[in-house]
Amino acid sequence: MTKSTHTPEYQRLVELLIETRRAAQLTQQQVADRLGKPQSYVAKVEGAERRIDVLEFAALAEAMGNSPTALLDRLLSELG
């Protein structure tokens, strides 16, 4: 069975998080600082080395200045 971090759907989630961070013109360090986490946390999320849950997704979205629901809606519409 394929690990859930290696599915095309999860890869798209990771790509969306990276795109969102870059569009906000934030570095991994800046996002990590807003979350109170080390930069390696963001790097592992973006490298799909660390699977995130819905609460972590929401925190990441907000740390990048985005609505978690809007970001999730975008992801789901793309995966449609």
PDB file of N, CA and C in Angstrom:
ATOM      1  N   MET A   1       0.832  -1.184   0.000  1.00  0.00           N
ATOM      2  CA  MET A   1       0.000   0.000   0.000  1.00  0.00           C
ATOM      3  C   MET A   1       0.878   1.251   0.000  1.00  0.00           C
ATOM      4  N   THR A   2       0.495   2.231  -0.795  1.00  0.00           N
ATOM      5  CA  THR A   2       1.241   3.477  -0.896  1.00  0.00           C
ATOM      6  C   THR A   2       1.047   4.304   0.365  1.00  0.00           C
ATOM      7  N   LYS A   3       2.152   4.837   0.880  1.00  0.00           N
ATOM      8  CA  LYS A   3       2.044   5.728   2.033  1.00  0.00           C
ATOM      9  C   LYS A   3       1.247   6.965   1.615  1.00  0.00           C
ATOM     10  N   SER A   4       0.431   7.455   2.527  1.00  0.00           N
ATOM     11  CA  SER A   4      -0.459   8.558   2.183  1.00  0.00           C
ATOM     12  C   SER A   4       0.289   9.836   1.803  1.00  0.00           C
ATOM     13  N   THR A   5       1.524   9.987   2.234  1.00  0.00           N
ATOM     14  CA  THR A   5       2.289  11.179   1.838  1.00  0.00           C
ATOM     15  C   THR A   5       2.813  11.063   0.415  1.00  0.00           C
ATOM     16  N   HIS A   6       2.681   9.889  -0.174  1.00  0.00           N
ATOM     17  CA  HIS A   6       3.178   9.688  -1.533  1.00  0.00           C
ATOM     18  C   HIS A   6       2.071   9.578  -2.563  1.00  0.00           C
ATOM     19  N   THR A   7       0.834   9.839  -2.162  1.00  0.00           N
ATOM     20  CA  THR A   7      -0.262   9.818  -3.126  1.00  0.00           C
ATOM     21  C   THR A   7      -0.258  11.118  -3.917  1.00  0.00           C
ATOM     22  N   PRO A   8      -0.796  11.100  -5.119  1.00  0.00           N
ATOM     23  CA  PRO A   8      -0.876  12.340  -5.900  1.00  0.00           C
ATOM     24  C   PRO A   8      -1.674  13.429  -5.182  1.00  0.00           C
ATOM     25  N   GLU A   9      -2.691  13.035  -4.438  1.00  0.00           N
ATOM     26  CA  GLU A   9      -3.507  14.010  -3.721  1.00  0.00           C
ATOM     27  C   GLU A   9      -2.717  14.708  -2.618  1.00  0.00           C
ATOM     28  N   TYR A  10      -1.935  13.932  -1.873  1.00  0.00           N
ATOM     29  CA  TYR A  10      -1.140  14.542  -0.806  1.00  0.00           C
ATOM     30  C   TYR A  10      -0.029  15.402  -1.405  1.00  0.00           C
ATOM     31  N   GLN A  11       0.547  14.948  -2.501  1.00  0.00           N
ATOM     32  CA  GLN A  11       1.589  15.742  -3.165  1.00  0.00           C
ATOM     33  C   GLN A  11       1.019  17.084  -3.607  1.00  0.00           C
ATOM     34  N   ARG A  12      -0.236  17.080  -4.087  1.00  0.00           N
ATOM     35  CA  ARG A  12      -0.856  18.343  -4.494  1.00  0.00           C
ATOM     36  C   ARG A  12      -1.069  19.255  -3.292  1.00  0.00           C
ATOM     37  N   LEU A  13      -1.435  18.684  -2.146  1.00  0.00           N
ATOM     38  CA  LEU A  13      -1.573  19.469  -0.920  1.00  0.00           C
ATOM     39  C   LEU A  13      -0.255  20.150  -0.581  1.00  0.00           C
ATOM     40  N   VAL A  14       0.818  19.412  -0.640  1.00  0.00           N
ATOM     41  CA  VAL A  14       2.140  19.965  -0.336  1.00  0.00           C
ATOM     42  C   VAL A  14       2.494  21.077  -1.327  1.00  0.00           C
ATOM     43  N   GLU A  15       2.240  20.835  -2.606  1.00  0.00           N
ATOM     44  CA  GLU A  15       2.521  21.859  -3.624  1.00  0.00           C
ATOM     45  C   GLU A  15       1.715  23.122  -3.356  1.00  0.00           C
ATOM     46  N   LEU A  16       0.461  22.949  -2.956  1.00  0.00           N
ATOM     47  CA  LEU A  16      -0.396  24.095  -2.666  1.00  0.00           C
ATOM     48  C   LEU A  16       0.137  24.894  -1.473  1.00  0.00           C
ATOM     49  N   LEU A  17       0.611  24.201  -0.451  1.00  0.00           N
ATOM     50  CA  LEU A  17       1.191  24.899   0.698  1.00  0.00           C
ATOM     51  C   LEU A  17       2.441  25.686   0.297  1.00  0.00           C
ATOM     52  N   ILE A  18       3.273  25.083  -0.535  1.00  0.00           N
ATOM     53  CA  ILE A  18       4.482  25.770  -1.009  1.00  0.00           C
ATOM     54  C   ILE A  18       4.100  26.993  -1.847  1.00  0.00           C
ATOM     55  N   GLU A  19       3.156  26.812  -2.775  1.00  0.00           N
ATOM     56  CA  GLU A  19       2.699  27.925  -3.613  1.00  0.00           C
ATOM     57  C   GLU A  19       2.136  29.058  -2.759  1.00  0.00           C
ATOM     58  N   THR A  20       1.380  28.701  -1.743  1.00  0.00           N
ATOM     59  CA  THR A  20       0.763  29.690  -0.860  1.00  0.00           C
ATOM     60  C   THR A  20       1.823  30.472  -0.093  1.00  0.00           C
ATOM     61  N   ARG A  21       2.821  29.760   0.420  1.00  0.00           N
ATOM     62  CA  ARG A  21       3.908  30.434   1.151  1.00  0.00           C
ATOM     63  C   ARG A  21       4.661  31.385   0.228  1.00  0.00           C
ATOM     64  N   ARG A  22       4.967  30.909  -0.963  1.00  0.00           N
ATOM     65  CA  ARG A  22       5.722  31.763  -1.897  1.00  0.00           C
ATOM     66  C   ARG A  22       4.906  32.965  -2.342  1.00  0.00           C
ATOM     67  N   ALA A  23       3.604  32.768  -2.575  1.00  0.00           N
ATOM     68  CA  ALA A  23       2.739  33.880  -2.977  1.00  0.00           C
ATOM     69  C   ALA A  23       2.658  34.938  -1.880  1.00  0.00           C
ATOM     70  N   ALA A  24       2.753  34.498  -0.631  1.00  0.00           N
ATOM     71  CA  ALA A  24       2.754  35.423   0.504  1.00  0.00           C
ATOM     72  C   ALA A  24       4.131  36.036   0.731  1.00  0.00           C
ATOM     73  N   GLN A  25       5.094  35.629  -0.088  1.00  0.00           N
ATOM     74  CA  GLN A  25       6.473  36.103   0.004  1.00  0.00           C
ATOM     75  C   GLN A  25       7.059  35.867   1.387  1.00  0.00           C
ATOM     76  N   LEU A  26       6.832  34.653   1.884  1.00  0.00           N
ATOM     77  CA  LEU A  26       7.357  34.257   3.180  1.00  0.00           C
ATOM     78  C   LEU A  26       8.402  33.165   3.016  1.00  0.00           C
ATOM     79  N   THR A  27       9.387  33.189   3.871  1.00  0.00           N
ATOM     80  CA  THR A  27      10.362  32.106   3.901  1.00  0.00           C
ATOM     81  C   THR A  27       9.843  31.013   4.833  1.00  0.00           C
ATOM     82  N   GLN A  28      10.464  29.856   4.748  1.00  0.00           N
ATOM     83  CA  GLN A  28      10.121  28.791   5.681  1.00  0.00           C
ATOM     84  C   GLN A  28      10.357  29.257   7.115  1.00  0.00           C
ATOM     85  N   GLN A  29      11.414  29.991   7.324  1.00  0.00           N
ATOM     86  CA  GLN A  29      11.734  30.487   8.670  1.00  0.00           C
ATOM     87  C   GLN A  29      10.647  31.417   9.194  1.00  0.00           C
ATOM     88  N   GLN A  30      10.150  32.289   8.339  1.00  0.00           N
ATOM     89  CA  GLN A  30       9.111  33.220   8.768  1.00  0.00           C
ATOM     90  C   GLN A  30       7.825  32.477   9.156  1.00  0.00           C
ATOM     91  N   VAL A  31       7.459  31.484   8.366  1.00  0.00           N
ATOM     92  CA  VAL A  31       6.270  30.688   8.688  1.00  0.00           C
ATOM     93  C   VAL A  31       6.494  29.940  10.001  1.00  0.00           C
ATOM     94  N   ALA A  32       7.661  29.345  10.135  1.00  0.00           N
ATOM     95  CA  ALA A  32       7.988  28.617  11.365  1.00  0.00           C
ATOM     96  C   ALA A  32       7.930  29.536  12.579  1.00  0.00           C
ATOM     97  N   ASP A  33       8.449  30.743  12.450  1.00  0.00           N
ATOM     98  CA  ASP A  33       8.414  31.703  13.556  1.00  0.00           C
ATOM     99  C   ASP A  33       6.974  32.018  13.955  1.00  0.00           C
ATOM    100  N   ARG A  34       6.112  32.184  12.968  1.00  0.00           N
ATOM    101  CA  ARG A  34       4.705  32.476  13.250  1.00  0.00           C
ATOM    102  C   ARG A  34       4.011  31.312  13.956  1.00  0.00           C
ATOM    103  N   LEU A  35       4.493  30.103  13.687  1.00  0.00           N
ATOM    104  CA  LEU A  35       3.918  28.905  14.302  1.00  0.00           C
ATOM    105  C   LEU A  35       4.573  28.560  15.636  1.00  0.00           C
ATOM    106  N   GLY A  36       5.712  29.179  15.914  1.00  0.00           N
ATOM    107  CA  GLY A  36       6.461  28.830  17.115  1.00  0.00           C
ATOM    108  C   GLY A  36       7.137  27.476  16.983  1.00  0.00           C
ATOM    109  N   LYS A  37       7.522  27.156  15.756  1.00  0.00           N
ATOM    110  CA  LYS A  37       8.165  25.870  15.456  1.00  0.00           C
ATOM    111  C   LYS A  37       9.530  26.133  14.822  1.00  0.00           C
ATOM    112  N   PRO A  38      10.387  25.109  14.780  1.00  0.00           N
ATOM    113  CA  PRO A  38      11.662  25.281  14.074  1.00  0.00           C
ATOM    114  C   PRO A  38      11.442  25.274  12.554  1.00  0.00           C
ATOM    115  N   GLN A  39      12.365  25.874  11.850  1.00  0.00           N
ATOM    116  CA  GLN A  39      12.285  25.910  10.390  1.00  0.00           C
ATOM    117  C   GLN A  39      12.216  24.508   9.807  1.00  0.00           C
ATOM    118  N   SER A  40      12.845  23.548  10.455  1.00  0.00           N
ATOM    119  CA  SER A  40      12.844  22.171   9.943  1.00  0.00           C
ATOM    120  C   SER A  40      11.436  21.579   9.887  1.00  0.00           C
ATOM    121  N   TYR A  41      10.537  22.049  10.743  1.00  0.00           N
ATOM    122  CA  TYR A  41       9.147  21.586  10.710  1.00  0.00           C
ATOM    123  C   TYR A  41       8.525  21.922   9.355  1.00  0.00           C
ATOM    124  N   VAL A  42       8.665  23.179   8.929  1.00  0.00           N
ATOM    125  CA  VAL A  42       8.103  23.610   7.648  1.00  0.00           C
ATOM    126  C   VAL A  42       8.798  22.873   6.504  1.00  0.00           C
ATOM    127  N   ALA A  43      10.104  22.705   6.594  1.00  0.00           N
ATOM    128  CA  ALA A  43      10.843  21.992   5.552  1.00  0.00           C
ATOM    129  C   ALA A  43      10.356  20.549   5.423  1.00  0.00           C
ATOM    130  N   LYS A  44      10.104  19.903   6.535  1.00  0.00           N
ATOM    131  CA  LYS A  44       9.629  18.516   6.496  1.00  0.00           C
ATOM    132  C   LYS A  44       8.213  18.422   5.951  1.00  0.00           C
ATOM    133  N   VAL A  45       7.379  19.382   6.279  1.00  0.00           N
ATOM    134  CA  VAL A  45       6.028  19.410   5.708  1.00  0.00           C
ATOM    135  C   VAL A  45       6.122  19.592   4.196  1.00  0.00           C
ATOM    136  N   GLU A  46       6.925  20.566   3.765  1.00  0.00           N
ATOM    137  CA  GLU A  46       7.044  20.858   2.337  1.00  0.00           C
ATOM    138  C   GLU A  46       7.768  19.758   1.572  1.00  0.00           C
ATOM    139  N   GLY A  47       8.566  18.969   2.257  1.00  0.00           N
ATOM    140  CA  GLY A  47       9.250  17.849   1.617  1.00  0.00           C
ATOM    141  C   GLY A  47       8.463  16.553   1.709  1.00  0.00           C
ATOM    142  N   ALA A  48       7.261  16.637   2.252  1.00  0.00           N
ATOM    143  CA  ALA A  48       6.374  15.475   2.456  1.00  0.00           C
ATOM    144  C   ALA A  48       7.039  14.406   3.321  1.00  0.00           C
ATOM    145  N   GLU A  49       7.932  14.848   4.194  1.00  0.00           N
ATOM    146  CA  GLU A  49       8.557  13.939   5.149  1.00  0.00           C
ATOM    147  C   GLU A  49       7.715  13.840   6.410  1.00  0.00           C
ATOM    148  N   ARG A  50       6.861  14.829   6.594  1.00  0.00           N
ATOM    149  CA  ARG A  50       6.010  14.877   7.784  1.00  0.00           C
ATOM    150  C   ARG A  50       4.580  15.069   7.334  1.00  0.00           C
ATOM    151  N   ARG A  51       3.721  14.155   7.734  1.00  0.00           N
ATOM    152  CA  ARG A  51       2.301  14.251   7.415  1.00  0.00           C
ATOM    153  C   ARG A  51       1.632  15.191   8.413  1.00  0.00           C
ATOM    154  N   ILE A  52       0.794  16.078   7.899  1.00  0.00           N
ATOM    155  CA  ILE A  52       0.105  17.014   8.779  1.00  0.00           C
ATOM    156  C   ILE A  52      -1.354  16.612   8.959  1.00  0.00           C
ATOM    157  N   ASP A  53      -1.908  16.984  10.113  1.00  0.00           N
ATOM    158  CA  ASP A  53      -3.320  16.752  10.343  1.00  0.00           C
ATOM    159  C   ASP A  53      -4.086  18.038  10.034  1.00  0.00           C
ATOM    160  N   VAL A  54      -5.390  17.988  10.177  1.00  0.00           N
ATOM    161  CA  VAL A  54      -6.231  19.123   9.804  1.00  0.00           C
ATOM    162  C   VAL A  54      -5.942  20.362  10.654  1.00  0.00           C
ATOM    163  N   LEU A  55      -5.621  20.187  11.919  1.00  0.00           N
ATOM    164  CA  LEU A  55      -5.311  21.338  12.768  1.00  0.00           C
ATOM    165  C   LEU A  55      -3.992  21.983  12.361  1.00  0.00           C
ATOM    166  N   GLU A  56      -3.013  21.171  11.990  1.00  0.00           N
ATOM    167  CA  GLU A  56      -1.734  21.708  11.512  1.00  0.00           C
ATOM    168  C   GLU A  56      -1.929  22.421  10.181  1.00  0.00           C
ATOM    169  N   PHE A  57      -2.774  21.850   9.316  1.00  0.00           N
ATOM    170  CA  PHE A  57      -3.084  22.497   8.038  1.00  0.00           C
ATOM    171  C   PHE A  57      -3.679  23.883   8.282  1.00  0.00           C
ATOM    172  N   ALA A  58      -4.634  23.945   9.196  1.00  0.00           N
ATOM    173  CA  ALA A  58      -5.278  25.224   9.503  1.00  0.00           C
ATOM    174  C   ALA A  58      -4.261  26.235  10.038  1.00  0.00           C
ATOM    175  N   ALA A  59      -3.393  25.790  10.919  1.00  0.00           N
ATOM    176  CA  ALA A  59      -2.369  26.687  11.479  1.00  0.00           C
ATOM    177  C   ALA A  59      -1.414  27.168  10.399  1.00  0.00           C
ATOM    178  N   LEU A  60      -1.008  26.286   9.513  1.00  0.00           N
ATOM    179  CA  LEU A  60      -0.120  26.671   8.413  1.00  0.00           C
ATOM    180  C   LEU A  60      -0.791  27.699   7.511  1.00  0.00           C
ATOM    181  N   ALA A  61      -2.035  27.446   7.133  1.00  0.00           N
ATOM    182  CA  ALA A  61      -2.757  28.372   6.263  1.00  0.00           C
ATOM    183  C   ALA A  61      -2.833  29.754   6.910  1.00  0.00           C
ATOM    184  N   GLU A  62      -3.206  29.793   8.176  1.00  0.00           N
ATOM    185  CA  GLU A  62      -3.328  31.076   8.873  1.00  0.00           C
ATOM    186  C   GLU A  62      -1.981  31.771   9.029  1.00  0.00           C
ATOM    187  N   ALA A  63      -0.927  31.004   9.264  1.00  0.00           N
ATOM    188  CA  ALA A  63       0.415  31.587   9.394  1.00  0.00           C
ATOM    189  C   ALA A  63       0.866  32.233   8.088  1.00  0.00           C
ATOM    190  N   MET A  64       0.287  31.774   6.982  1.00  0.00           N
ATOM    191  CA  MET A  64       0.628  32.335   5.674  1.00  0.00           C
ATOM    192  C   MET A  64      -0.394  33.377   5.221  1.00  0.00           C
ATOM    193  N   GLY A  65      -1.309  33.737   6.149  1.00  0.00           N
ATOM    194  CA  GLY A  65      -2.281  34.780   5.849  1.00  0.00           C
ATOM    195  C   GLY A  65      -3.452  34.333   5.013  1.00  0.00           C
ATOM    196  N   ASN A  66      -3.772  33.041   5.053  1.00  0.00           N
ATOM    197  CA  ASN A  66      -4.862  32.504   4.254  1.00  0.00           C
ATOM    198  C   ASN A  66      -5.916  31.855   5.129  1.00  0.00           C
ATOM    199  N   SER A  67      -7.108  31.809   4.593  1.00  0.00           N
ATOM    200  CA  SER A  67      -8.197  31.108   5.261  1.00  0.00           C
ATOM    201  C   SER A  67      -8.021  29.604   5.033  1.00  0.00           C
ATOM    202  N   PRO A  68      -8.020  28.813   6.097  1.00  0.00           N
ATOM    203  CA  PRO A  68      -7.899  27.362   5.914  1.00  0.00           C
ATOM    204  C   PRO A  68      -9.030  26.793   5.050  1.00  0.00           C
ATOM    205  N   THR A  69     -10.227  27.313   5.221  1.00  0.00           N
ATOM    206  CA  THR A  69     -11.346  26.777   4.437  1.00  0.00           C
ATOM    207  C   THR A  69     -11.212  27.137   2.962  1.00  0.00           C
ATOM    208  N   ALA A  70     -10.755  28.343   2.673  1.00  0.00           N
ATOM    209  CA  ALA A  70     -10.559  28.745   1.281  1.00  0.00           C
ATOM    210  C   ALA A  70      -9.468  27.892   0.631  1.00  0.00           C
ATOM    211  N   LEU A  71      -8.410  27.643   1.366  1.00  0.00           N
ATOM    212  CA  LEU A  71      -7.320  26.825   0.835  1.00  0.00           C
ATOM    213  C   LEU A  71      -7.781  25.388   0.614  1.00  0.00           C
ATOM    214  N   LEU A  72      -8.552  24.860   1.553  1.00  0.00           N
ATOM    215  CA  LEU A  72      -9.073  23.507   1.411  1.00  0.00           C
ATOM    216  C   LEU A  72     -10.060  23.434   0.244  1.00  0.00           C
ATOM    217  N   ASP A  73     -10.904  24.430   0.110  1.00  0.00           N
ATOM    218  CA  ASP A  73     -11.828  24.460  -1.031  1.00  0.00           C
ATOM    219  C   ASP A  73     -11.069  24.444  -2.346  1.00  0.00           C
ATOM    220  N   ARG A  74      -9.997  25.212  -2.422  1.00  0.00           N
ATOM    221  CA  ARG A  74      -9.179  25.245  -3.638  1.00  0.00           C
ATOM    222  C   ARG A  74      -8.592  23.866  -3.933  1.00  0.00           C
ATOM    223  N   LEU A  75      -8.054  23.233  -2.903  1.00  0.00           N
ATOM    224  CA  LEU A  75      -7.479  21.899  -3.082  1.00  0.00           C
ATOM    225  C   LEU A  75      -8.530  20.908  -3.563  1.00  0.00           C
ATOM    226  N   LEU A  76      -9.673  20.915  -2.920  1.00  0.00           N
ATOM    227  CA  LEU A  76     -10.719  19.956  -3.279  1.00  0.00           C
ATOM    228  C   LEU A  76     -11.261  20.195  -4.673  1.00  0.00           C
ATOM    229  N   SER A  77     -11.361  21.462  -5.083  1.00  0.00           N
ATOM    230  CA  SER A  77     -11.842  21.741  -6.436  1.00  0.00           C
ATOM    231  C   SER A  77     -10.824  21.288  -7.484  1.00  0.00           C
ATOM    232  N   GLU A  78      -9.550  21.396  -7.167  1.00  0.00           N
ATOM    233  CA  GLU A  78      -8.518  20.929  -8.089  1.00  0.00           C
ATOM    234  C   GLU A  78      -8.486  19.415  -8.185  1.00  0.00           C
ATOM    235  N   LEU A  79      -8.761  18.768  -7.073  1.00  0.00           N
ATOM    236  CA  LEU A  79      -8.724  17.297  -7.072  1.00  0.00           C
ATOM    237  C   LEU A  79      -9.999  16.708  -7.634  1.00  0.00           C
ATOM    238  N   GLY A  80     -11.084  17.534  -7.610  1.00  0.00           N
ATOM    239  CA  GLY A  80     -12.427  17.191  -8.053  1.00  0.00           C
ATOM    240  C   GLY A  80     -12.568  15.960  -8.768  1.00  0.00           C
TER     241      GLY A  80
END
